[in-house]
Each structure stands twice: as C-alpha cells, then as structure tokens.
Amino acid sequence: MTRRDTALAALALSALAATVLAGCAPESADDARPEAPQTAAPEEAPEEPALTEFDPEGTAEDNLELFAQVTNDVWESEDGVRGRDYVDALVDKGFDKSQMQVTSDATTIGWEVESLMFSVQLGDECLVGQVGPSTGDPVANVQPLLDAGACMLGSTRAIDW
C-alpha cells in the first residue's frame, strides 16, 4: 500500500467515524424540528378481481382478459397449436361453443400450421385469438363482426365434438 493509499484510507475511515458519531450525539432542544403532520395516505381503489368465468352480460371487451388468459394458458401447454384445446378451454370457462370458429391445426399435407386462429362471437363483436410458431406471443383482441356475419373469413373447421 502506498503512502497516498494509506492517507486516503485514513481519510475515509475518519469520515465514516464522524458520520457514526454524529448519529449518536444527543439532540438539543434547539436542534429539534417539529415533525410534519401525518396525513392519511389516499385509499387506493380496490382492484377488481380477475374474471374467472365468462360474463354472458358483459361485452367482448369485458371478457377479453379471460379470453386472453385462456389463450396464454393453452399456448403454454404441450399442445399449443391444437384448435380443439382452445375451444375446449374456452367452453370450460363458459364461452358458447356454438358462437366459435377455429381454423385447422394441420396443413393439407398433415403438417402443423404456422398460425392458428379461433374466435368467439359476442353480439356484434368478436374475441379473436391467434397463436403459432410464426406469430410469436399469443394474440387476443376484440374485432367487429364482419359483414358476412362471422368473426373470421376463409376456411374454418367444423366444431362438431
């Protein structure tokens, strides 16, 4: 250790000792400051509990959080690109199977699809989900009902189970 390092260490130790000793010194009446009055913290609005079952009186927006949670849960399971798993999980939460559409989970030559879509019609709106290796994270959103009276156009599979 050099003479300079020793001097710096001694200076640092002196500063630390002064700080510790200052905290131990008794407070005089002249030094005492009146404490600021305590104010009550504003009450936070209670967080609404997460929806755990489909709300048939609610809008698509009201049910979006549950739809998205089901979508994420199925995506994270073993069979994340199987349309039936999404339909069954949504039915388990109370969504109406007769109002659903789902695309095929296999190509015409039997390969797993790169993207799977599924939907639930709620009045004039639709909850639409999309998952697959090409989409990254699962997507769940609210879309308007299409003029054709469905949530999705194109080829969808029969939900006959």
N, C-alpha and C. Protein backbone atom coordinates (compact mmCIF):
# COMPACT_ATOMS: atom_id res chain seq x y z
N MET A 1 0.85 -1.16 0.00
CA MET A 1 0.00 0.00 0.00
C MET A 1 0.91 1.23 0.00
N THR A 2 0.61 2.18 -0.85
CA THR A 2 1.44 3.39 -0.94
C THR A 2 1.02 4.37 0.13
N ARG A 3 1.86 5.37 0.31
CA ARG A 3 1.56 6.41 1.30
C ARG A 3 0.26 7.14 0.94
N ARG A 4 0.04 7.34 -0.36
CA ARG A 4 -1.19 8.01 -0.82
C ARG A 4 -2.41 7.16 -0.49
N ASP A 5 -2.34 5.81 -0.74
CA ASP A 5 -3.45 4.91 -0.43
C ASP A 5 -3.75 4.90 1.06
N THR A 6 -2.70 4.93 1.87
CA THR A 6 -2.86 4.94 3.32
C THR A 6 -3.57 6.20 3.77
N ALA A 7 -3.17 7.33 3.20
CA ALA A 7 -3.79 8.61 3.56
C ALA A 7 -5.26 8.63 3.15
N LEU A 8 -5.58 8.10 1.96
CA LEU A 8 -6.98 8.06 1.50
C LEU A 8 -7.81 7.14 2.39
N ALA A 9 -7.25 6.02 2.79
CA ALA A 9 -7.96 5.09 3.67
C ALA A 9 -8.23 5.74 5.01
N ALA A 10 -7.24 6.44 5.55
CA ALA A 10 -7.41 7.11 6.84
C ALA A 10 -8.47 8.19 6.75
N LEU A 11 -8.47 8.94 5.66
CA LEU A 11 -9.48 9.99 5.47
C LEU A 11 -10.88 9.39 5.40
N ALA A 12 -11.02 8.29 4.65
CA ALA A 12 -12.33 7.64 4.53
C ALA A 12 -12.79 7.11 5.87
N LEU A 13 -11.87 6.53 6.66
CA LEU A 13 -12.21 5.99 7.97
C LEU A 13 -12.62 7.12 8.91
N SER A 14 -11.95 8.27 8.83
CA SER A 14 -12.30 9.42 9.67
C SER A 14 -13.70 9.93 9.33
N ALA A 15 -14.01 9.98 8.04
CA ALA A 15 -15.35 10.45 7.61
C ALA A 15 -16.42 9.49 8.10
N LEU A 16 -16.15 8.21 8.03
CA LEU A 16 -17.11 7.21 8.49
C LEU A 16 -17.33 7.33 10.00
N ALA A 17 -16.25 7.50 10.75
CA ALA A 17 -16.35 7.63 12.21
C ALA A 17 -17.14 8.88 12.58
N ALA A 18 -16.90 9.99 11.88
CA ALA A 18 -17.61 11.23 12.18
C ALA A 18 -19.10 11.07 11.90
N THR A 19 -19.43 10.36 10.84
CA THR A 19 -20.83 10.13 10.50
C THR A 19 -21.51 9.29 11.56
N VAL A 20 -20.85 8.24 12.01
CA VAL A 20 -21.43 7.36 13.03
C VAL A 20 -21.59 8.12 14.34
N LEU A 21 -20.56 8.87 14.75
CA LEU A 21 -20.63 9.60 16.00
C LEU A 21 -21.68 10.70 15.95
N ALA A 22 -21.86 11.33 14.81
CA ALA A 22 -22.88 12.38 14.69
C ALA A 22 -24.26 11.81 14.91
N GLY A 23 -24.46 10.58 14.50
CA GLY A 23 -25.75 9.95 14.70
C GLY A 23 -26.00 9.60 16.15
N CYS A 24 -24.94 9.52 16.98
CA CYS A 24 -25.08 9.17 18.38
C CYS A 24 -25.21 10.38 19.29
N ALA A 25 -24.93 11.56 18.77
CA ALA A 25 -24.96 12.76 19.60
C ALA A 25 -26.37 13.06 20.04
N PRO A 26 -26.55 13.44 21.32
CA PRO A 26 -27.91 13.76 21.78
C PRO A 26 -28.41 15.01 21.08
N GLU A 27 -29.68 15.02 20.84
CA GLU A 27 -30.30 16.15 20.15
C GLU A 27 -30.66 17.21 21.18
N SER A 28 -30.29 18.44 20.93
CA SER A 28 -30.64 19.50 21.86
C SER A 28 -32.03 20.01 21.52
N ALA A 29 -32.62 20.68 22.48
CA ALA A 29 -33.97 21.22 22.26
C ALA A 29 -33.97 22.23 21.14
N ASP A 30 -32.83 22.94 20.95
CA ASP A 30 -32.75 23.94 19.89
C ASP A 30 -32.71 23.28 18.51
N ASP A 31 -32.14 22.08 18.44
CA ASP A 31 -32.00 21.40 17.16
C ASP A 31 -33.26 20.65 16.75
N ALA A 32 -34.14 20.42 17.69
CA ALA A 32 -35.33 19.62 17.40
C ALA A 32 -36.22 20.38 16.42
N ARG A 33 -36.67 19.69 15.44
CA ARG A 33 -37.60 20.26 14.46
C ARG A 33 -38.96 19.63 14.68
N PRO A 34 -39.99 20.42 14.56
CA PRO A 34 -41.32 19.80 14.70
C PRO A 34 -41.54 18.82 13.53
N GLU A 35 -42.15 17.71 13.86
CA GLU A 35 -42.43 16.73 12.81
C GLU A 35 -43.56 17.23 11.94
N ALA A 36 -43.45 16.88 10.69
CA ALA A 36 -44.52 17.25 9.75
C ALA A 36 -45.77 16.49 10.14
N PRO A 37 -46.91 17.12 10.04
CA PRO A 37 -48.14 16.42 10.39
C PRO A 37 -48.34 15.20 9.48
N GLN A 38 -48.79 14.14 10.09
CA GLN A 38 -49.05 12.92 9.33
C GLN A 38 -50.36 13.07 8.58
N THR A 39 -50.32 12.78 7.32
CA THR A 39 -51.55 12.80 6.53
C THR A 39 -51.86 11.38 6.12
N ALA A 40 -53.10 11.08 6.08
CA ALA A 40 -53.52 9.73 5.70
C ALA A 40 -53.25 9.54 4.22
N ALA A 41 -52.70 8.39 3.91
CA ALA A 41 -52.46 8.06 2.51
C ALA A 41 -53.80 7.89 1.81
N PRO A 42 -53.91 8.38 0.59
CA PRO A 42 -55.18 8.20 -0.11
C PRO A 42 -55.46 6.72 -0.30
N GLU A 43 -56.70 6.37 -0.09
CA GLU A 43 -57.07 4.97 -0.25
C GLU A 43 -57.05 4.61 -1.72
N GLU A 44 -56.41 3.49 -2.00
CA GLU A 44 -56.39 3.01 -3.37
C GLU A 44 -57.69 2.28 -3.65
N ALA A 45 -58.17 2.48 -4.85
CA ALA A 45 -59.39 1.77 -5.23
C ALA A 45 -59.09 0.28 -5.24
N PRO A 46 -59.96 -0.50 -4.66
CA PRO A 46 -59.70 -1.94 -4.67
C PRO A 46 -59.67 -2.46 -6.10
N GLU A 47 -58.70 -3.31 -6.33
CA GLU A 47 -58.55 -3.87 -7.67
C GLU A 47 -59.67 -4.88 -7.90
N GLU A 48 -60.31 -4.77 -9.05
CA GLU A 48 -61.37 -5.71 -9.36
C GLU A 48 -60.78 -7.09 -9.53
N PRO A 49 -61.44 -8.09 -8.97
CA PRO A 49 -60.90 -9.44 -9.13
C PRO A 49 -60.92 -9.85 -10.60
N ALA A 50 -59.95 -10.65 -10.97
CA ALA A 50 -59.88 -11.12 -12.35
C ALA A 50 -61.10 -11.98 -12.66
N LEU A 51 -61.61 -11.83 -13.86
CA LEU A 51 -62.74 -12.61 -14.30
C LEU A 51 -62.30 -14.05 -14.46
N THR A 52 -62.99 -14.98 -13.80
CA THR A 52 -62.60 -16.39 -13.88
C THR A 52 -63.58 -17.21 -14.68
N GLU A 53 -64.68 -16.60 -15.06
CA GLU A 53 -65.69 -17.29 -15.86
C GLU A 53 -66.34 -16.28 -16.79
N PHE A 54 -66.75 -16.74 -17.93
CA PHE A 54 -67.38 -15.89 -18.94
C PHE A 54 -68.55 -15.12 -18.34
N ASP A 55 -68.63 -13.84 -18.66
CA ASP A 55 -69.73 -12.99 -18.22
C ASP A 55 -70.71 -12.83 -19.38
N PRO A 56 -71.81 -13.58 -19.37
CA PRO A 56 -72.75 -13.52 -20.50
C PRO A 56 -73.41 -12.14 -20.66
N GLU A 57 -73.43 -11.34 -19.60
CA GLU A 57 -74.00 -9.99 -19.67
C GLU A 57 -72.95 -8.98 -20.13
N GLY A 58 -71.69 -9.39 -20.13
CA GLY A 58 -70.61 -8.47 -20.47
C GLY A 58 -70.37 -8.37 -21.96
N THR A 59 -69.61 -7.36 -22.33
CA THR A 59 -69.24 -7.14 -23.73
C THR A 59 -68.01 -7.98 -24.07
N ALA A 60 -67.62 -7.93 -25.31
CA ALA A 60 -66.38 -8.61 -25.71
C ALA A 60 -65.21 -8.01 -24.94
N GLU A 61 -65.20 -6.70 -24.79
CA GLU A 61 -64.12 -6.04 -24.04
C GLU A 61 -64.11 -6.51 -22.58
N ASP A 62 -65.29 -6.68 -21.99
CA ASP A 62 -65.38 -7.16 -20.61
C ASP A 62 -64.79 -8.56 -20.46
N ASN A 63 -64.91 -9.38 -21.48
CA ASN A 63 -64.45 -10.77 -21.42
C ASN A 63 -63.08 -10.99 -22.04
N LEU A 64 -62.47 -9.92 -22.55
CA LEU A 64 -61.18 -10.04 -23.23
C LEU A 64 -60.08 -10.57 -22.32
N GLU A 65 -60.01 -10.09 -21.09
CA GLU A 65 -58.95 -10.53 -20.18
C GLU A 65 -59.01 -12.04 -19.95
N LEU A 66 -60.20 -12.56 -19.74
CA LEU A 66 -60.35 -14.01 -19.55
C LEU A 66 -59.99 -14.76 -20.82
N PHE A 67 -60.45 -14.27 -21.97
CA PHE A 67 -60.14 -14.89 -23.25
C PHE A 67 -58.63 -14.93 -23.47
N ALA A 68 -57.96 -13.83 -23.17
CA ALA A 68 -56.51 -13.75 -23.33
C ALA A 68 -55.80 -14.71 -22.37
N GLN A 69 -56.30 -14.80 -21.14
CA GLN A 69 -55.68 -15.71 -20.16
C GLN A 69 -55.81 -17.16 -20.60
N VAL A 70 -56.98 -17.54 -21.09
CA VAL A 70 -57.18 -18.91 -21.59
C VAL A 70 -56.25 -19.15 -22.77
N THR A 71 -56.16 -18.18 -23.67
CA THR A 71 -55.27 -18.29 -24.83
C THR A 71 -53.83 -18.53 -24.38
N ASN A 72 -53.36 -17.74 -23.44
CA ASN A 72 -51.98 -17.90 -22.94
C ASN A 72 -51.78 -19.25 -22.26
N ASP A 73 -52.74 -19.66 -21.44
CA ASP A 73 -52.61 -20.93 -20.73
C ASP A 73 -52.51 -22.11 -21.69
N VAL A 74 -53.36 -22.14 -22.70
CA VAL A 74 -53.32 -23.24 -23.66
C VAL A 74 -52.03 -23.18 -24.47
N TRP A 75 -51.62 -21.98 -24.87
CA TRP A 75 -50.39 -21.82 -25.65
C TRP A 75 -49.19 -22.39 -24.89
N GLU A 76 -49.17 -22.21 -23.59
CA GLU A 76 -48.05 -22.68 -22.77
C GLU A 76 -48.12 -24.17 -22.47
N SER A 77 -49.21 -24.82 -22.83
CA SER A 77 -49.35 -26.26 -22.59
C SER A 77 -48.63 -27.06 -23.67
N GLU A 78 -48.65 -28.37 -23.55
CA GLU A 78 -47.97 -29.25 -24.52
C GLU A 78 -48.48 -29.09 -25.94
N ASP A 79 -49.78 -28.95 -26.09
CA ASP A 79 -50.38 -28.92 -27.42
C ASP A 79 -50.87 -27.52 -27.77
N GLY A 80 -49.95 -26.58 -27.80
CA GLY A 80 -50.30 -25.18 -28.01
C GLY A 80 -50.83 -24.82 -29.38
N VAL A 81 -50.76 -25.73 -30.35
CA VAL A 81 -51.26 -25.40 -31.69
C VAL A 81 -52.31 -26.43 -32.10
N ARG A 82 -53.21 -26.72 -31.18
CA ARG A 82 -54.33 -27.60 -31.48
C ARG A 82 -55.61 -26.84 -31.21
N GLY A 83 -56.38 -26.59 -32.26
CA GLY A 83 -57.59 -25.78 -32.15
C GLY A 83 -58.57 -26.30 -31.13
N ARG A 84 -58.71 -27.61 -31.06
CA ARG A 84 -59.68 -28.19 -30.11
C ARG A 84 -59.33 -27.79 -28.67
N ASP A 85 -58.06 -27.72 -28.35
CA ASP A 85 -57.66 -27.36 -26.99
C ASP A 85 -58.14 -25.96 -26.62
N TYR A 86 -58.09 -25.02 -27.56
CA TYR A 86 -58.56 -23.66 -27.30
C TYR A 86 -60.08 -23.63 -27.14
N VAL A 87 -60.77 -24.32 -28.05
CA VAL A 87 -62.24 -24.37 -27.97
C VAL A 87 -62.66 -24.99 -26.65
N ASP A 88 -62.10 -26.13 -26.29
CA ASP A 88 -62.48 -26.82 -25.05
C ASP A 88 -62.18 -25.97 -23.81
N ALA A 89 -61.04 -25.30 -23.79
CA ALA A 89 -60.68 -24.47 -22.64
C ALA A 89 -61.62 -23.28 -22.52
N LEU A 90 -62.01 -22.69 -23.65
CA LEU A 90 -62.96 -21.57 -23.61
C LEU A 90 -64.34 -22.04 -23.16
N VAL A 91 -64.77 -23.19 -23.62
CA VAL A 91 -66.05 -23.76 -23.19
C VAL A 91 -66.03 -24.01 -21.68
N ASP A 92 -64.90 -24.52 -21.17
CA ASP A 92 -64.76 -24.76 -19.74
C ASP A 92 -64.94 -23.50 -18.91
N LYS A 93 -64.64 -22.34 -19.49
CA LYS A 93 -64.81 -21.07 -18.79
C LYS A 93 -66.18 -20.44 -19.03
N GLY A 94 -67.02 -21.11 -19.82
CA GLY A 94 -68.39 -20.63 -20.01
C GLY A 94 -68.69 -20.00 -21.36
N PHE A 95 -67.71 -19.90 -22.26
CA PHE A 95 -67.98 -19.35 -23.59
C PHE A 95 -68.84 -20.34 -24.37
N ASP A 96 -69.68 -19.81 -25.25
CA ASP A 96 -70.63 -20.61 -26.02
C ASP A 96 -69.96 -21.21 -27.26
N LYS A 97 -69.86 -22.53 -27.29
CA LYS A 97 -69.20 -23.21 -28.39
C LYS A 97 -69.89 -22.93 -29.73
N SER A 98 -71.21 -22.75 -29.71
CA SER A 98 -71.93 -22.52 -30.97
C SER A 98 -71.58 -21.16 -31.60
N GLN A 99 -70.92 -20.29 -30.83
CA GLN A 99 -70.53 -18.97 -31.33
C GLN A 99 -69.05 -18.90 -31.70
N MET A 100 -68.41 -20.07 -31.79
CA MET A 100 -66.96 -20.11 -32.05
C MET A 100 -66.63 -20.53 -33.46
N GLN A 101 -65.45 -20.11 -33.88
CA GLN A 101 -64.84 -20.55 -35.14
C GLN A 101 -63.39 -20.88 -34.82
N VAL A 102 -62.83 -21.83 -35.56
CA VAL A 102 -61.42 -22.18 -35.40
C VAL A 102 -60.88 -22.64 -36.74
N THR A 103 -59.65 -22.25 -37.03
CA THR A 103 -59.01 -22.72 -38.26
C THR A 103 -58.41 -24.10 -38.02
N SER A 104 -58.04 -24.74 -39.08
CA SER A 104 -57.45 -26.07 -38.99
C SER A 104 -56.08 -26.00 -38.32
N ASP A 105 -55.74 -27.05 -37.59
CA ASP A 105 -54.43 -27.06 -36.96
C ASP A 105 -53.43 -27.93 -37.71
N ALA A 106 -53.82 -28.34 -38.92
CA ALA A 106 -52.90 -29.10 -39.79
C ALA A 106 -53.05 -28.60 -41.22
N THR A 107 -51.95 -28.62 -41.94
CA THR A 107 -51.99 -28.23 -43.35
C THR A 107 -52.62 -29.37 -44.16
N THR A 108 -52.84 -29.14 -45.44
CA THR A 108 -53.45 -30.17 -46.30
C THR A 108 -52.57 -31.41 -46.43
N ILE A 109 -51.28 -31.28 -46.12
CA ILE A 109 -50.41 -32.47 -46.18
C ILE A 109 -50.06 -32.98 -44.78
N GLY A 110 -50.80 -32.48 -43.77
CA GLY A 110 -50.65 -33.02 -42.43
C GLY A 110 -49.61 -32.37 -41.53
N TRP A 111 -48.99 -31.32 -41.97
CA TRP A 111 -48.02 -30.63 -41.13
C TRP A 111 -48.74 -29.70 -40.15
N GLU A 112 -48.09 -29.42 -39.03
CA GLU A 112 -48.64 -28.46 -38.07
C GLU A 112 -48.65 -27.08 -38.72
N VAL A 113 -49.73 -26.33 -38.51
CA VAL A 113 -49.83 -24.99 -39.10
C VAL A 113 -48.88 -24.02 -38.42
N GLU A 114 -48.51 -23.00 -39.15
CA GLU A 114 -47.66 -21.95 -38.60
C GLU A 114 -48.46 -20.94 -37.78
N SER A 115 -49.77 -20.89 -38.03
CA SER A 115 -50.62 -19.95 -37.33
C SER A 115 -52.02 -20.54 -37.20
N LEU A 116 -52.57 -20.46 -36.00
CA LEU A 116 -53.90 -20.97 -35.72
C LEU A 116 -54.73 -19.81 -35.21
N MET A 117 -55.98 -19.69 -35.71
CA MET A 117 -56.87 -18.63 -35.25
C MET A 117 -58.15 -19.25 -34.71
N PHE A 118 -58.74 -18.57 -33.74
CA PHE A 118 -60.01 -19.01 -33.16
C PHE A 118 -60.75 -17.77 -32.69
N SER A 119 -62.06 -17.87 -32.60
CA SER A 119 -62.85 -16.70 -32.24
C SER A 119 -64.13 -17.10 -31.52
N VAL A 120 -64.68 -16.11 -30.82
CA VAL A 120 -65.99 -16.25 -30.18
C VAL A 120 -66.78 -14.99 -30.52
N GLN A 121 -67.95 -15.17 -31.09
CA GLN A 121 -68.81 -14.04 -31.41
C GLN A 121 -69.62 -13.67 -30.18
N LEU A 122 -69.61 -12.37 -29.86
CA LEU A 122 -70.41 -11.83 -28.76
C LEU A 122 -71.18 -10.64 -29.31
N GLY A 123 -72.43 -10.87 -29.71
CA GLY A 123 -73.22 -9.79 -30.31
C GLY A 123 -72.61 -9.37 -31.62
N ASP A 124 -72.29 -8.08 -31.74
CA ASP A 124 -71.71 -7.58 -32.98
C ASP A 124 -70.20 -7.41 -32.88
N GLU A 125 -69.60 -8.10 -31.91
CA GLU A 125 -68.15 -8.08 -31.75
C GLU A 125 -67.61 -9.50 -31.65
N CYS A 126 -66.31 -9.61 -31.79
CA CYS A 126 -65.67 -10.92 -31.73
C CYS A 126 -64.41 -10.85 -30.88
N LEU A 127 -64.21 -11.89 -30.10
CA LEU A 127 -62.93 -12.10 -29.45
C LEU A 127 -62.15 -12.99 -30.40
N VAL A 128 -60.98 -12.55 -30.81
CA VAL A 128 -60.19 -13.29 -31.80
C VAL A 128 -58.81 -13.58 -31.19
N GLY A 129 -58.40 -14.85 -31.29
CA GLY A 129 -57.09 -15.24 -30.82
C GLY A 129 -56.27 -15.80 -31.95
N GLN A 130 -54.96 -15.61 -31.87
CA GLN A 130 -54.06 -16.18 -32.86
C GLN A 130 -52.80 -16.64 -32.15
N VAL A 131 -52.38 -17.86 -32.47
CA VAL A 131 -51.18 -18.45 -31.89
C VAL A 131 -50.43 -19.20 -32.98
N GLY A 132 -49.21 -19.52 -32.71
CA GLY A 132 -48.44 -20.33 -33.64
C GLY A 132 -46.99 -19.94 -33.63
N PRO A 133 -46.14 -20.82 -34.13
CA PRO A 133 -44.71 -20.52 -34.16
C PRO A 133 -44.37 -19.25 -34.93
N SER A 134 -45.16 -18.90 -35.92
CA SER A 134 -44.85 -17.72 -36.72
C SER A 134 -45.39 -16.43 -36.12
N THR A 135 -46.24 -16.52 -35.09
CA THR A 135 -46.84 -15.31 -34.53
C THR A 135 -46.12 -14.78 -33.30
N GLY A 136 -45.20 -15.56 -32.74
CA GLY A 136 -44.54 -15.13 -31.51
C GLY A 136 -45.48 -15.33 -30.34
N ASP A 137 -45.65 -14.30 -29.52
CA ASP A 137 -46.54 -14.40 -28.37
C ASP A 137 -47.99 -14.52 -28.84
N PRO A 138 -48.83 -15.19 -28.06
CA PRO A 138 -50.25 -15.28 -28.41
C PRO A 138 -50.87 -13.89 -28.52
N VAL A 139 -51.84 -13.77 -29.40
CA VAL A 139 -52.55 -12.51 -29.61
C VAL A 139 -54.01 -12.74 -29.28
N ALA A 140 -54.61 -11.81 -28.56
CA ALA A 140 -56.04 -11.86 -28.25
C ALA A 140 -56.56 -10.44 -28.32
N ASN A 141 -57.61 -10.23 -29.11
CA ASN A 141 -58.16 -8.88 -29.21
C ASN A 141 -59.63 -8.91 -29.55
N VAL A 142 -60.23 -7.74 -29.55
CA VAL A 142 -61.64 -7.56 -29.91
C VAL A 142 -61.69 -6.98 -31.32
N GLN A 143 -62.51 -7.58 -32.16
CA GLN A 143 -62.69 -7.13 -33.53
C GLN A 143 -64.19 -7.00 -33.80
N PRO A 144 -64.59 -6.12 -34.72
CA PRO A 144 -66.01 -6.04 -35.07
C PRO A 144 -66.42 -7.28 -35.87
N LEU A 145 -67.67 -7.63 -35.74
CA LEU A 145 -68.23 -8.72 -36.54
C LEU A 145 -68.14 -8.33 -38.01
N LEU A 146 -67.73 -9.26 -38.85
CA LEU A 146 -67.60 -8.98 -40.28
C LEU A 146 -68.98 -8.89 -40.94
N ASP A 147 -69.05 -8.20 -42.06
CA ASP A 147 -70.31 -8.05 -42.79
C ASP A 147 -70.93 -9.39 -43.15
N ALA A 148 -70.09 -10.41 -43.31
CA ALA A 148 -70.59 -11.75 -43.65
C ALA A 148 -71.27 -12.43 -42.47
N GLY A 149 -71.26 -11.76 -41.30
CA GLY A 149 -71.93 -12.32 -40.13
C GLY A 149 -71.07 -13.32 -39.37
N ALA A 150 -69.77 -13.28 -39.57
CA ALA A 150 -68.86 -14.19 -38.89
C ALA A 150 -67.68 -13.39 -38.35
N CYS A 151 -66.90 -14.04 -37.51
CA CYS A 151 -65.71 -13.38 -36.96
C CYS A 151 -64.50 -13.54 -37.87
N MET A 152 -64.47 -14.67 -38.59
CA MET A 152 -63.33 -14.94 -39.47
C MET A 152 -63.83 -15.36 -40.84
N LEU A 153 -63.11 -14.93 -41.85
CA LEU A 153 -63.40 -15.35 -43.22
C LEU A 153 -62.46 -16.48 -43.60
N GLY A 154 -62.78 -17.16 -44.66
CA GLY A 154 -61.89 -18.21 -45.12
C GLY A 154 -62.30 -19.55 -44.56
N SER A 155 -61.41 -20.49 -44.68
CA SER A 155 -61.70 -21.86 -44.30
C SER A 155 -61.54 -22.05 -42.78
N THR A 156 -62.60 -22.49 -42.17
CA THR A 156 -62.57 -22.85 -40.75
C THR A 156 -63.05 -24.29 -40.63
N ARG A 157 -62.72 -24.93 -39.56
CA ARG A 157 -63.14 -26.33 -39.39
C ARG A 157 -64.43 -26.41 -38.57
N ALA A 158 -65.15 -27.47 -38.78
CA ALA A 158 -66.37 -27.71 -38.02
C ALA A 158 -66.01 -27.99 -36.57
N ILE A 159 -66.77 -27.41 -35.67
CA ILE A 159 -66.60 -27.69 -34.24
C ILE A 159 -67.74 -28.66 -33.90
N ASP A 160 -67.46 -29.95 -34.14
CA ASP A 160 -68.50 -30.96 -34.05
C ASP A 160 -68.26 -31.97 -32.93
N TRP A 161 -67.53 -31.61 -31.95
CA TRP A 161 -67.32 -32.51 -30.82
C TRP A 161 -68.01 -32.00 -29.59
